[in-house]
Amino acid sequence: MKKYIFTCFAVIVAACLISWGVIGHRAVAKIAENHLTPKTKEAIKDLLGRETLPDVSTWADEIRSDPNYKYTGAWHYVNVSAGLTFEQFANAVKTMPEDNVYKMVIRCELDLKNPAKTKRDKVMALKFLVHFIGDLHQPMHVSHVDDKGGNNISIWFNGADGNLHGLWDSDLIDRDGLSYEKMAATYDTATPEQIQKWQSDSLMIWIWESYQIAEILYSEAADNPKFDHDYYQNHLSTLHSRIEKGGIRLAGVLNNIFDK
């Protein structure tokens, strides 16, 4: 009975920690699948077997309830001070003594390219990479250190109390009401020119985009933390863009690794 209770508790905790929500992360991964080369698809199949990118996209969140993986918590985000210029931001991210999502994406890429790594190492690196590229496109995963990435910013949305981080993790996606397949089909509309541009942007630019959006979200919450339907409508295009860019850029990273 105790084991059953612990298992249920662990599942609940994991669900509470999932960024972008299951639907959001799977939508990012599904969009990425749409843009993989045949050679990359084959390499991923060799690593994952019957699992797909959407299947493994939330693995990095699910294992966080396991004490053996507690240390990975800080890998999902990067929190810095408010009001930074790009140069200040880039320096803060790179010189941060602890690991963060920027550093971990680079590490995962290196592991997947390293012929000395075992298949097990590469499977874990791939699962982490799929998740982290989704994470860093969620604006509140690149936000302020003093309020724990918006977790300490109270808001009201859709008839319930919450916090700014949770609003962007899952509340807006839940309000959208789409399955991850439908979300991917609806959001995946980039032109070849956009795809080329988004994939050629540097990793630092990817997270800088999220930081700039987060600065606006903080300002709005400070002005009035009671959000209504207009908030959802006004930010729906941003939600779409971050998920679409996450998927397109994930595909670019994977194609560069497996089909350079």
Protein backbone atom coordinates (compact mmCIF):
# COMPACT_ATOMS: atom_id res chain seq x y z
CA MET A 1 0.00 0.00 0.00
CA LYS A 2 2.80 2.40 0.91
CA LYS A 3 4.50 1.70 -2.41
CA TYR A 4 1.21 2.37 -4.23
CA ILE A 5 0.71 5.68 -2.42
CA PHE A 6 4.28 6.75 -3.18
CA THR A 7 3.85 5.86 -6.85
CA CYS A 8 0.64 7.89 -7.10
CA PHE A 9 2.30 10.82 -5.33
CA ALA A 10 5.28 10.65 -7.67
CA VAL A 11 3.02 10.74 -10.71
CA ILE A 12 1.16 13.75 -9.35
CA VAL A 13 4.40 15.59 -8.59
CA ALA A 14 5.73 14.84 -12.06
CA ALA A 15 2.53 16.14 -13.64
CA CYS A 16 2.84 19.38 -11.69
CA LEU A 17 6.39 19.87 -12.96
CA ILE A 18 5.76 19.34 -16.64
CA SER A 19 6.62 22.46 -18.61
CA TRP A 20 4.60 23.33 -21.74
CA GLY A 21 2.38 20.50 -20.50
CA VAL A 22 2.32 17.09 -22.11
CA ILE A 23 0.43 18.50 -25.09
CA GLY A 24 2.83 21.39 -25.64
CA HIS A 25 5.99 19.30 -25.50
CA ARG A 26 4.52 16.64 -27.76
CA ALA A 27 3.41 19.29 -30.24
CA VAL A 28 6.96 20.66 -30.40
CA ALA A 29 8.29 17.13 -30.97
CA LYS A 30 5.64 16.35 -33.60
CA ILE A 31 6.45 19.51 -35.55
CA ALA A 32 10.11 18.49 -35.42
CA GLU A 33 9.25 15.04 -36.80
CA ASN A 34 7.58 16.72 -39.77
CA HIS A 35 10.89 18.30 -40.77
CA LEU A 36 13.39 15.49 -40.25
CA THR A 37 15.37 14.05 -43.15
CA PRO A 38 15.02 10.31 -43.90
CA LYS A 39 18.54 9.67 -42.59
CA THR A 40 17.78 11.47 -39.33
CA LYS A 41 14.52 9.55 -38.91
CA GLU A 42 16.39 6.29 -39.32
CA ALA A 43 19.05 7.27 -36.78
CA ILE A 44 16.40 8.26 -34.24
CA LYS A 45 14.52 5.01 -34.82
CA ASP A 46 17.74 3.11 -34.15
CA LEU A 47 18.04 4.87 -30.79
CA LEU A 48 14.41 4.94 -29.67
CA GLY A 49 13.01 1.78 -31.24
CA ARG A 50 9.22 1.95 -31.27
CA GLU A 51 9.10 5.19 -29.30
CA THR A 52 8.61 8.45 -31.18
CA LEU A 53 9.88 11.94 -30.43
CA PRO A 54 6.46 12.93 -29.00
CA ASP A 55 6.54 9.80 -26.82
CA VAL A 56 9.85 10.76 -25.20
CA SER A 57 9.33 14.54 -25.13
CA THR A 58 8.16 14.58 -21.48
CA TRP A 59 10.57 11.95 -20.15
CA ALA A 60 12.87 14.60 -18.67
CA ASP A 61 9.98 15.92 -16.55
CA GLU A 62 8.69 12.50 -15.59
CA ILE A 63 12.00 11.39 -14.07
CA ARG A 64 12.28 14.46 -11.86
CA SER A 65 10.17 12.81 -9.18
CA ASP A 66 12.84 10.10 -8.91
CA PRO A 67 15.40 11.06 -6.23
CA ASN A 68 18.14 9.72 -8.49
CA TYR A 69 17.36 12.44 -11.02
CA LYS A 70 16.59 15.32 -8.66
CA TYR A 71 19.84 17.00 -9.69
CA THR A 72 18.47 17.53 -13.21
CA GLY A 73 15.88 20.08 -12.06
CA ALA A 74 18.01 23.13 -12.87
CA TRP A 75 18.67 21.83 -16.38
CA HIS A 76 15.19 22.87 -17.55
CA TYR A 77 15.56 26.63 -17.29
CA VAL A 78 17.84 29.62 -16.89
CA ASN A 79 16.92 32.42 -14.48
CA VAL A 80 18.77 35.74 -14.55
CA SER A 81 18.26 39.33 -13.44
CA ALA A 82 15.70 41.66 -15.02
CA GLY A 83 16.50 44.40 -17.51
CA LEU A 84 19.61 42.95 -19.12
CA THR A 85 21.01 43.90 -22.52
CA PHE A 86 21.78 41.07 -24.91
CA GLU A 87 25.47 41.21 -24.07
CA GLN A 88 24.76 41.17 -20.33
CA PHE A 89 22.27 38.35 -20.76
CA ALA A 90 24.63 36.20 -22.84
CA ASN A 91 27.45 36.72 -20.36
CA ALA A 92 25.22 35.84 -17.38
CA VAL A 93 24.01 32.65 -19.05
CA LYS A 94 27.47 31.48 -20.12
CA THR A 95 29.26 32.29 -16.86
CA MET A 96 26.59 30.92 -14.53
CA PRO A 97 28.40 28.45 -12.21
CA GLU A 98 25.52 25.97 -12.16
CA ASP A 99 24.15 24.04 -15.12
CA ASN A 100 21.23 25.54 -17.04
CA VAL A 101 19.15 24.76 -20.12
CA TYR A 102 21.59 26.56 -22.43
CA LYS A 103 24.57 24.53 -21.23
CA MET A 104 22.62 21.28 -21.24
CA VAL A 105 21.46 21.62 -24.85
CA ILE A 106 25.08 22.03 -25.89
CA ARG A 107 26.12 19.05 -23.77
CA CYS A 108 23.40 16.84 -25.23
CA GLU A 109 24.40 17.76 -28.77
CA LEU A 110 28.02 16.90 -28.02
CA ASP A 111 27.04 13.57 -26.47
CA LEU A 112 24.99 12.62 -29.52
CA LYS A 113 27.91 13.45 -31.83
CA ASN A 114 30.48 11.65 -29.70
CA PRO A 115 31.28 8.16 -31.08
CA ALA A 116 32.70 7.16 -27.69
CA LYS A 117 29.32 7.47 -26.00
CA THR A 118 27.27 4.31 -25.46
CA LYS A 119 23.85 3.82 -27.02
CA ARG A 120 22.29 4.27 -23.57
CA ASP A 121 24.11 7.60 -23.17
CA LYS A 122 22.87 8.74 -26.55
CA VAL A 123 19.28 7.69 -25.87
CA MET A 124 19.28 9.76 -22.68
CA ALA A 125 20.92 12.70 -24.44
CA LEU A 126 18.28 12.58 -27.19
CA LYS A 127 15.41 12.47 -24.72
CA PHE A 128 16.84 15.38 -22.77
CA LEU A 129 17.53 17.38 -25.92
CA VAL A 130 13.98 16.99 -27.27
CA HIS A 131 12.62 18.23 -23.97
CA PHE A 132 15.08 21.06 -23.32
CA ILE A 133 14.64 22.69 -26.71
CA GLY A 134 10.92 22.74 -25.94
CA ASP A 135 11.61 24.19 -22.49
CA LEU A 136 13.81 27.05 -23.64
CA HIS A 137 11.09 28.25 -26.02
CA GLN A 138 8.69 28.63 -23.08
CA PRO A 139 9.22 32.29 -22.09
CA MET A 140 8.98 31.72 -18.34
CA HIS A 141 11.79 29.16 -18.50
CA VAL A 142 14.11 32.07 -19.33
CA SER A 143 13.10 34.58 -16.71
CA HIS A 144 13.93 36.13 -13.33
CA VAL A 145 15.89 34.47 -10.58
CA ASP A 146 14.34 36.49 -7.71
CA ASP A 147 10.81 35.12 -8.27
CA LYS A 148 11.81 31.59 -9.32
CA GLY A 149 10.92 32.06 -12.95
CA GLY A 150 7.52 33.57 -12.25
CA ASN A 151 6.44 30.83 -9.83
CA ASN A 152 6.15 33.49 -7.11
CA ILE A 153 4.10 35.87 -9.28
CA SER A 154 0.43 35.31 -8.40
CA ILE A 155 -2.16 35.74 -11.16
CA TRP A 156 -5.81 35.00 -11.80
CA PHE A 157 -6.85 33.35 -15.06
CA ASN A 158 -9.88 31.48 -16.35
CA GLY A 159 -11.66 31.65 -13.00
CA ALA A 160 -8.82 30.34 -10.86
CA ASP A 161 -5.77 31.51 -8.95
CA GLY A 162 -2.36 30.54 -10.28
CA ASN A 163 1.10 31.85 -11.00
CA LEU A 164 2.72 33.38 -14.06
CA HIS A 165 4.98 30.41 -14.70
CA GLY A 166 2.14 27.89 -14.57
CA LEU A 167 0.02 30.08 -16.83
CA TRP A 168 2.59 29.71 -19.61
CA ASP A 169 3.48 26.12 -18.78
CA SER A 170 0.00 24.72 -19.26
CA ASP A 171 -2.96 27.03 -18.55
CA LEU A 172 -2.90 28.76 -21.94
CA ILE A 173 -2.42 25.45 -23.74
CA ASP A 174 -5.31 23.93 -21.79
CA ARG A 175 -7.43 26.92 -22.78
CA ASP A 176 -6.53 26.30 -26.43
CA GLY A 177 -8.14 22.86 -26.10
CA LEU A 178 -6.27 21.10 -28.92
CA SER A 179 -4.66 17.66 -28.97
CA TYR A 180 -0.94 17.69 -29.64
CA GLU A 181 -1.53 16.26 -33.13
CA LYS A 182 -4.05 18.99 -33.93
CA MET A 183 -1.81 21.63 -32.38
CA ALA A 184 1.14 20.52 -34.49
CA ALA A 185 -0.96 20.43 -37.65
CA THR A 186 -2.37 23.90 -36.92
CA TYR A 187 0.90 25.57 -35.87
CA ASP A 188 3.27 24.04 -38.44
CA THR A 189 2.90 26.71 -41.12
CA ALA A 190 6.42 28.16 -41.49
CA THR A 191 7.66 29.08 -44.95
CA PRO A 192 10.99 27.70 -46.22
CA GLU A 193 12.48 31.15 -45.64
CA GLN A 194 11.29 31.21 -42.02
CA ILE A 195 12.59 27.71 -41.41
CA GLN A 196 16.01 28.63 -42.75
CA LYS A 197 16.12 31.78 -40.62
CA TRP A 198 14.92 30.16 -37.38
CA GLN A 199 17.30 27.24 -37.68
CA SER A 200 20.27 29.47 -38.48
CA ASP A 201 19.73 31.66 -35.41
CA SER A 202 22.14 30.86 -32.58
CA LEU A 203 21.08 29.02 -29.43
CA MET A 204 21.67 32.21 -27.47
CA ILE A 205 19.22 34.04 -29.73
CA TRP A 206 16.61 31.34 -29.06
CA ILE A 207 16.72 31.87 -25.33
CA TRP A 208 17.11 35.66 -25.69
CA GLU A 209 13.78 35.68 -27.54
CA SER A 210 12.14 33.95 -24.57
CA TYR A 211 13.75 36.40 -22.15
CA GLN A 212 12.42 39.39 -24.09
CA ILE A 213 8.91 37.93 -24.10
CA ALA A 214 9.16 37.16 -20.38
CA GLU A 215 10.05 40.80 -19.66
CA ILE A 216 6.77 41.86 -21.29
CA LEU A 217 4.80 39.20 -19.40
CA TYR A 218 6.24 40.39 -16.10
CA SER A 219 5.28 43.98 -16.90
CA GLU A 220 1.71 42.98 -17.74
CA ALA A 221 1.35 40.98 -14.53
CA ALA A 222 2.64 43.93 -12.51
CA ASP A 223 0.07 46.24 -14.10
CA ASN A 224 -2.88 43.90 -13.52
CA PRO A 225 -2.53 40.22 -12.53
CA LYS A 226 -6.19 39.42 -13.21
CA PHE A 227 -6.23 38.03 -16.73
CA ASP A 228 -9.37 37.42 -18.77
CA HIS A 229 -10.24 36.03 -22.20
CA ASP A 230 -8.56 39.01 -23.85
CA TYR A 231 -5.23 37.93 -22.36
CA TYR A 232 -5.60 34.54 -24.01
CA GLN A 233 -6.52 36.08 -27.35
CA ASN A 234 -3.71 38.64 -27.21
CA HIS A 235 -1.06 36.02 -26.44
CA LEU A 236 -2.27 33.14 -28.59
CA SER A 237 0.01 34.13 -31.47
CA THR A 238 3.01 34.15 -29.11
CA LEU A 239 2.09 30.70 -27.83
CA HIS A 240 1.80 29.43 -31.40
CA SER A 241 5.10 31.00 -32.43
CA ARG A 242 7.14 29.61 -29.54
CA ILE A 243 5.87 26.06 -30.04
CA GLU A 244 6.34 26.22 -33.79
CA LYS A 245 9.84 27.67 -33.52
CA GLY A 246 10.72 25.06 -30.91
CA GLY A 247 9.72 22.26 -33.28
CA ILE A 248 11.40 23.74 -36.35
CA ARG A 249 14.63 24.39 -34.48
CA LEU A 250 14.63 20.96 -32.83
CA ALA A 251 14.42 19.43 -36.31
CA GLY A 252 17.33 21.56 -37.45
CA VAL A 253 19.48 20.44 -34.51
CA LEU A 254 18.66 16.77 -35.05
CA ASN A 255 19.29 16.95 -38.80
CA ASN A 256 22.62 18.62 -38.14
CA ILE A 257 23.58 15.84 -35.72
CA PHE A 258 22.43 12.82 -37.69
CA ASP A 259 22.50 14.00 -41.31
CA LYS A 260 25.08 16.75 -41.48
